[in-house]
Amino acid sequence: MTTQEHDASVYERVQASSEFQELKRRFRAWTFPMTAAFLAWYLLYVVLSGWARDFMAVKLLGNINVGMILGLLQFVSTFLIAWAYARHADRHLDPLADKLRHEVEERDK
């Protein structure tokens, strides 16, 4: 058996394992809904900018209007999502990924 064939069989076994499937499930369970929510939020901002100009132009504080606040909240939400993902990965993804990596490394010894 060549090294390449051995590597392929190791990775195929890992991919077929229940731990790897659980890792994929945890990743998808968080990222898919969060991505959909962020895209909906972003598209709402774009739609409001294009078709609700009077609403977006409402002044809140001096020359600061609703559109500016919603635009700045796009940046805030991006950073919050990145922080929340890092926290989710630290707690739910990384421990399982580390376990799988160590199992693969032990098989190669």
N, C-alpha and C. Protein backbone atom coordinates (compact mmCIF):
# COMPACT_ATOMS: atom_id res chain seq x y z
N MET A 1 0.86 -1.17 0.00
CA MET A 1 0.00 0.00 0.00
C MET A 1 0.91 1.24 0.00
N THR A 2 0.65 2.15 -0.94
CA THR A 2 1.46 3.36 -1.00
C THR A 2 1.02 4.33 0.10
N THR A 3 1.89 5.30 0.34
CA THR A 3 1.57 6.31 1.36
C THR A 3 0.31 7.07 1.00
N GLN A 4 0.17 7.36 -0.30
CA GLN A 4 -1.01 8.10 -0.75
C GLN A 4 -2.28 7.29 -0.51
N GLU A 5 -2.24 5.99 -0.80
CA GLU A 5 -3.40 5.13 -0.57
C GLU A 5 -3.70 5.03 0.92
N HIS A 6 -2.64 4.94 1.73
CA HIS A 6 -2.81 4.88 3.18
C HIS A 6 -3.47 6.16 3.71
N ASP A 7 -2.97 7.33 3.24
CA ASP A 7 -3.55 8.61 3.65
C ASP A 7 -5.01 8.69 3.27
N ALA A 8 -5.33 8.25 2.04
CA ALA A 8 -6.73 8.30 1.59
C ALA A 8 -7.60 7.41 2.45
N SER A 9 -7.12 6.22 2.79
CA SER A 9 -7.96 5.32 3.59
C SER A 9 -8.15 5.86 5.00
N VAL A 10 -7.13 6.50 5.57
CA VAL A 10 -7.26 7.09 6.90
C VAL A 10 -8.31 8.19 6.87
N TYR A 11 -8.22 9.07 5.90
CA TYR A 11 -9.16 10.19 5.83
C TYR A 11 -10.57 9.73 5.47
N GLU A 12 -10.67 8.69 4.67
CA GLU A 12 -12.00 8.15 4.37
C GLU A 12 -12.63 7.55 5.63
N ARG A 13 -11.83 6.88 6.45
CA ARG A 13 -12.35 6.32 7.71
C ARG A 13 -12.78 7.44 8.65
N VAL A 14 -11.97 8.49 8.73
CA VAL A 14 -12.33 9.61 9.60
C VAL A 14 -13.61 10.25 9.11
N GLN A 15 -13.71 10.46 7.80
CA GLN A 15 -14.91 11.09 7.25
C GLN A 15 -16.16 10.25 7.51
N ALA A 16 -16.01 8.95 7.51
CA ALA A 16 -17.16 8.07 7.74
C ALA A 16 -17.50 7.92 9.23
N SER A 17 -16.62 8.39 10.11
CA SER A 17 -16.84 8.20 11.55
C SER A 17 -18.00 9.06 12.06
N SER A 18 -18.61 8.60 13.12
CA SER A 18 -19.72 9.35 13.72
C SER A 18 -19.24 10.66 14.33
N GLU A 19 -18.00 10.70 14.83
CA GLU A 19 -17.46 11.94 15.40
C GLU A 19 -17.33 13.03 14.33
N PHE A 20 -16.84 12.63 13.16
CA PHE A 20 -16.69 13.61 12.08
C PHE A 20 -18.06 14.10 11.60
N GLN A 21 -19.00 13.19 11.51
CA GLN A 21 -20.36 13.58 11.11
C GLN A 21 -20.97 14.54 12.13
N GLU A 22 -20.69 14.30 13.41
CA GLU A 22 -21.18 15.20 14.46
C GLU A 22 -20.51 16.56 14.34
N LEU A 23 -19.22 16.59 14.03
CA LEU A 23 -18.51 17.85 13.83
C LEU A 23 -19.13 18.64 12.68
N LYS A 24 -19.40 17.97 11.58
CA LYS A 24 -20.05 18.64 10.44
C LYS A 24 -21.44 19.14 10.82
N ARG A 25 -22.18 18.34 11.57
CA ARG A 25 -23.54 18.74 11.98
C ARG A 25 -23.49 19.98 12.86
N ARG A 26 -22.57 20.00 13.82
CA ARG A 26 -22.45 21.16 14.70
C ARG A 26 -22.06 22.41 13.92
N PHE A 27 -21.14 22.25 12.98
CA PHE A 27 -20.71 23.39 12.16
C PHE A 27 -21.89 23.94 11.35
N ARG A 28 -22.58 23.05 10.67
CA ARG A 28 -23.71 23.47 9.82
C ARG A 28 -24.88 24.02 10.64
N ALA A 29 -25.12 23.44 11.79
CA ALA A 29 -26.24 23.89 12.63
C ALA A 29 -26.05 25.34 13.09
N TRP A 30 -24.82 25.79 13.18
CA TRP A 30 -24.57 27.18 13.58
C TRP A 30 -24.40 28.08 12.38
N THR A 31 -23.60 27.67 11.41
CA THR A 31 -23.25 28.57 10.32
C THR A 31 -24.39 28.80 9.34
N PHE A 32 -25.15 27.80 9.01
CA PHE A 32 -26.22 28.00 8.02
C PHE A 32 -27.28 28.98 8.52
N PRO A 33 -27.83 28.80 9.72
CA PRO A 33 -28.82 29.78 10.19
C PRO A 33 -28.22 31.18 10.37
N MET A 34 -26.99 31.25 10.86
CA MET A 34 -26.37 32.57 11.07
C MET A 34 -26.12 33.27 9.73
N THR A 35 -25.69 32.52 8.74
CA THR A 35 -25.48 33.09 7.42
C THR A 35 -26.80 33.58 6.83
N ALA A 36 -27.84 32.79 6.96
CA ALA A 36 -29.15 33.19 6.45
C ALA A 36 -29.65 34.45 7.17
N ALA A 37 -29.47 34.50 8.48
CA ALA A 37 -29.91 35.67 9.25
C ALA A 37 -29.13 36.91 8.83
N PHE A 38 -27.82 36.78 8.67
CA PHE A 38 -27.03 37.94 8.29
C PHE A 38 -27.39 38.41 6.88
N LEU A 39 -27.57 37.48 5.95
CA LEU A 39 -27.95 37.87 4.59
C LEU A 39 -29.31 38.56 4.57
N ALA A 40 -30.26 38.06 5.37
CA ALA A 40 -31.57 38.70 5.45
C ALA A 40 -31.44 40.12 6.00
N TRP A 41 -30.64 40.30 7.04
CA TRP A 41 -30.39 41.61 7.64
C TRP A 41 -29.75 42.55 6.62
N TYR A 42 -28.75 42.05 5.89
CA TYR A 42 -28.08 42.86 4.89
C TYR A 42 -29.04 43.24 3.75
N LEU A 43 -29.81 42.27 3.26
CA LEU A 43 -30.76 42.56 2.19
C LEU A 43 -31.85 43.52 2.64
N LEU A 44 -32.25 43.44 3.90
CA LEU A 44 -33.20 44.41 4.44
C LEU A 44 -32.64 45.82 4.33
N TYR A 45 -31.38 45.96 4.71
CA TYR A 45 -30.71 47.27 4.62
C TYR A 45 -30.67 47.77 3.17
N VAL A 46 -30.33 46.89 2.25
CA VAL A 46 -30.27 47.27 0.83
C VAL A 46 -31.65 47.65 0.32
N VAL A 47 -32.66 46.87 0.66
CA VAL A 47 -34.04 47.16 0.20
C VAL A 47 -34.52 48.48 0.79
N LEU A 48 -34.28 48.69 2.08
CA LEU A 48 -34.69 49.96 2.69
C LEU A 48 -33.96 51.14 2.04
N SER A 49 -32.70 50.96 1.71
CA SER A 49 -31.93 52.03 1.08
C SER A 49 -32.48 52.37 -0.30
N GLY A 50 -32.99 51.36 -0.99
CA GLY A 50 -33.49 51.59 -2.34
C GLY A 50 -34.95 52.01 -2.41
N TRP A 51 -35.79 51.50 -1.51
CA TRP A 51 -37.21 51.74 -1.63
C TRP A 51 -37.86 52.42 -0.44
N ALA A 52 -37.13 52.70 0.58
CA ALA A 52 -37.70 53.41 1.74
C ALA A 52 -36.79 54.58 2.10
N ARG A 53 -36.51 55.38 1.09
CA ARG A 53 -35.57 56.49 1.28
C ARG A 53 -36.05 57.50 2.32
N ASP A 54 -37.33 57.75 2.36
CA ASP A 54 -37.85 58.70 3.36
C ASP A 54 -37.59 58.18 4.78
N PHE A 55 -37.82 56.89 4.98
CA PHE A 55 -37.57 56.29 6.29
C PHE A 55 -36.08 56.36 6.63
N MET A 56 -35.23 56.02 5.68
CA MET A 56 -33.78 56.02 5.92
C MET A 56 -33.25 57.43 6.16
N ALA A 57 -33.95 58.43 5.67
CA ALA A 57 -33.49 59.81 5.82
C ALA A 57 -33.96 60.48 7.12
N VAL A 58 -34.76 59.78 7.92
CA VAL A 58 -35.24 60.35 9.18
C VAL A 58 -34.03 60.65 10.07
N LYS A 59 -33.93 61.90 10.49
CA LYS A 59 -32.81 62.31 11.34
C LYS A 59 -33.09 61.92 12.78
N LEU A 60 -32.08 61.36 13.41
CA LEU A 60 -32.20 60.92 14.80
C LEU A 60 -31.44 61.84 15.75
N LEU A 61 -30.20 62.14 15.43
CA LEU A 61 -29.35 63.00 16.25
C LEU A 61 -28.58 63.93 15.32
N GLY A 62 -28.96 65.17 15.25
CA GLY A 62 -28.28 66.10 14.36
C GLY A 62 -28.39 65.64 12.91
N ASN A 63 -27.25 65.42 12.27
CA ASN A 63 -27.25 64.94 10.88
C ASN A 63 -27.18 63.42 10.77
N ILE A 64 -27.26 62.73 11.89
CA ILE A 64 -27.22 61.27 11.87
C ILE A 64 -28.64 60.75 11.64
N ASN A 65 -28.78 59.97 10.55
CA ASN A 65 -30.12 59.49 10.20
C ASN A 65 -30.21 57.97 10.37
N VAL A 66 -31.41 57.44 10.13
CA VAL A 66 -31.66 56.00 10.28
C VAL A 66 -30.73 55.20 9.38
N GLY A 67 -30.55 55.64 8.15
CA GLY A 67 -29.68 54.92 7.21
C GLY A 67 -28.26 54.79 7.71
N MET A 68 -27.74 55.85 8.29
CA MET A 68 -26.38 55.81 8.81
C MET A 68 -26.28 54.84 9.99
N ILE A 69 -27.25 54.88 10.87
CA ILE A 69 -27.25 53.99 12.02
C ILE A 69 -27.34 52.53 11.56
N LEU A 70 -28.25 52.24 10.63
CA LEU A 70 -28.37 50.86 10.14
C LEU A 70 -27.11 50.43 9.41
N GLY A 71 -26.47 51.34 8.68
CA GLY A 71 -25.22 51.01 8.00
C GLY A 71 -24.12 50.68 9.00
N LEU A 72 -24.01 51.47 10.05
CA LEU A 72 -23.00 51.19 11.08
C LEU A 72 -23.32 49.88 11.82
N LEU A 73 -24.60 49.59 11.98
CA LEU A 73 -24.97 48.33 12.63
C LEU A 73 -24.59 47.11 11.78
N GLN A 74 -24.42 47.29 10.47
CA GLN A 74 -23.92 46.21 9.62
C GLN A 74 -22.52 45.80 10.09
N PHE A 75 -21.67 46.79 10.36
CA PHE A 75 -20.33 46.51 10.84
C PHE A 75 -20.37 45.86 12.22
N VAL A 76 -21.19 46.40 13.08
CA VAL A 76 -21.31 45.86 14.44
C VAL A 76 -21.77 44.40 14.39
N SER A 77 -22.77 44.12 13.57
CA SER A 77 -23.27 42.75 13.50
C SER A 77 -22.21 41.80 12.92
N THR A 78 -21.41 42.28 11.98
CA THR A 78 -20.34 41.44 11.42
C THR A 78 -19.34 41.05 12.51
N PHE A 79 -18.92 42.02 13.31
CA PHE A 79 -17.98 41.73 14.38
C PHE A 79 -18.61 40.84 15.46
N LEU A 80 -19.88 41.06 15.77
CA LEU A 80 -20.55 40.21 16.75
C LEU A 80 -20.67 38.77 16.27
N ILE A 81 -20.96 38.59 14.99
CA ILE A 81 -21.05 37.24 14.44
C ILE A 81 -19.68 36.56 14.48
N ALA A 82 -18.63 37.30 14.12
CA ALA A 82 -17.29 36.72 14.17
C ALA A 82 -16.92 36.31 15.60
N TRP A 83 -17.23 37.16 16.57
CA TRP A 83 -16.95 36.84 17.97
C TRP A 83 -17.77 35.62 18.42
N ALA A 84 -19.05 35.59 18.04
CA ALA A 84 -19.92 34.48 18.44
C ALA A 84 -19.46 33.17 17.80
N TYR A 85 -19.00 33.24 16.55
CA TYR A 85 -18.51 32.02 15.90
C TYR A 85 -17.25 31.52 16.59
N ALA A 86 -16.33 32.42 16.92
CA ALA A 86 -15.10 32.01 17.60
C ALA A 86 -15.43 31.34 18.93
N ARG A 87 -16.40 31.90 19.64
CA ARG A 87 -16.82 31.32 20.91
C ARG A 87 -17.47 29.94 20.70
N HIS A 88 -18.32 29.84 19.69
CA HIS A 88 -18.96 28.57 19.36
C HIS A 88 -17.91 27.52 18.98
N ALA A 89 -16.95 27.92 18.15
CA ALA A 89 -15.91 26.98 17.72
C ALA A 89 -15.07 26.52 18.91
N ASP A 90 -14.71 27.45 19.78
CA ASP A 90 -13.91 27.08 20.96
C ASP A 90 -14.63 26.07 21.84
N ARG A 91 -15.92 26.22 21.98
CA ARG A 91 -16.68 25.36 22.89
C ARG A 91 -17.17 24.07 22.26
N HIS A 92 -17.58 24.13 20.99
CA HIS A 92 -18.28 22.99 20.39
C HIS A 92 -17.56 22.31 19.23
N LEU A 93 -16.71 23.03 18.51
CA LEU A 93 -16.07 22.44 17.33
C LEU A 93 -14.63 22.01 17.60
N ASP A 94 -13.86 22.88 18.20
CA ASP A 94 -12.44 22.61 18.39
C ASP A 94 -12.15 21.38 19.24
N PRO A 95 -12.87 21.14 20.34
CA PRO A 95 -12.57 19.93 21.11
C PRO A 95 -12.77 18.65 20.31
N LEU A 96 -13.83 18.60 19.51
CA LEU A 96 -14.09 17.41 18.71
C LEU A 96 -13.08 17.31 17.57
N ALA A 97 -12.73 18.43 16.95
CA ALA A 97 -11.73 18.42 15.88
C ALA A 97 -10.37 17.99 16.43
N ASP A 98 -10.01 18.46 17.61
CA ASP A 98 -8.75 18.06 18.23
C ASP A 98 -8.73 16.56 18.52
N LYS A 99 -9.84 16.04 19.00
CA LYS A 99 -9.94 14.61 19.28
C LYS A 99 -9.73 13.80 18.00
N LEU A 100 -10.38 14.22 16.91
CA LEU A 100 -10.23 13.52 15.64
C LEU A 100 -8.79 13.61 15.13
N ARG A 101 -8.19 14.77 15.25
CA ARG A 101 -6.81 14.94 14.79
C ARG A 101 -5.87 14.02 15.56
N HIS A 102 -6.05 13.96 16.88
CA HIS A 102 -5.19 13.10 17.69
C HIS A 102 -5.39 11.62 17.33
N GLU A 103 -6.61 11.22 17.04
CA GLU A 103 -6.86 9.83 16.64
C GLU A 103 -6.15 9.51 15.33
N VAL A 104 -6.20 10.44 14.39
CA VAL A 104 -5.52 10.23 13.10
C VAL A 104 -4.01 10.16 13.30
N GLU A 105 -3.49 11.06 14.13
CA GLU A 105 -2.04 11.06 14.38
C GLU A 105 -1.60 9.78 15.08
N GLU A 106 -2.43 9.25 15.98
CA GLU A 106 -2.08 8.02 16.67
C GLU A 106 -2.09 6.82 15.71
N ARG A 107 -3.00 6.82 14.75
CA ARG A 107 -3.06 5.72 13.78
C ARG A 107 -1.82 5.69 12.89
N ASP A 108 -1.26 6.88 12.63
CA ASP A 108 -0.10 6.96 11.74
C ASP A 108 1.19 6.51 12.42
N LYS A 109 1.19 6.39 13.74
CA LYS A 109 2.43 6.03 14.45
C LYS A 109 2.71 4.55 14.36
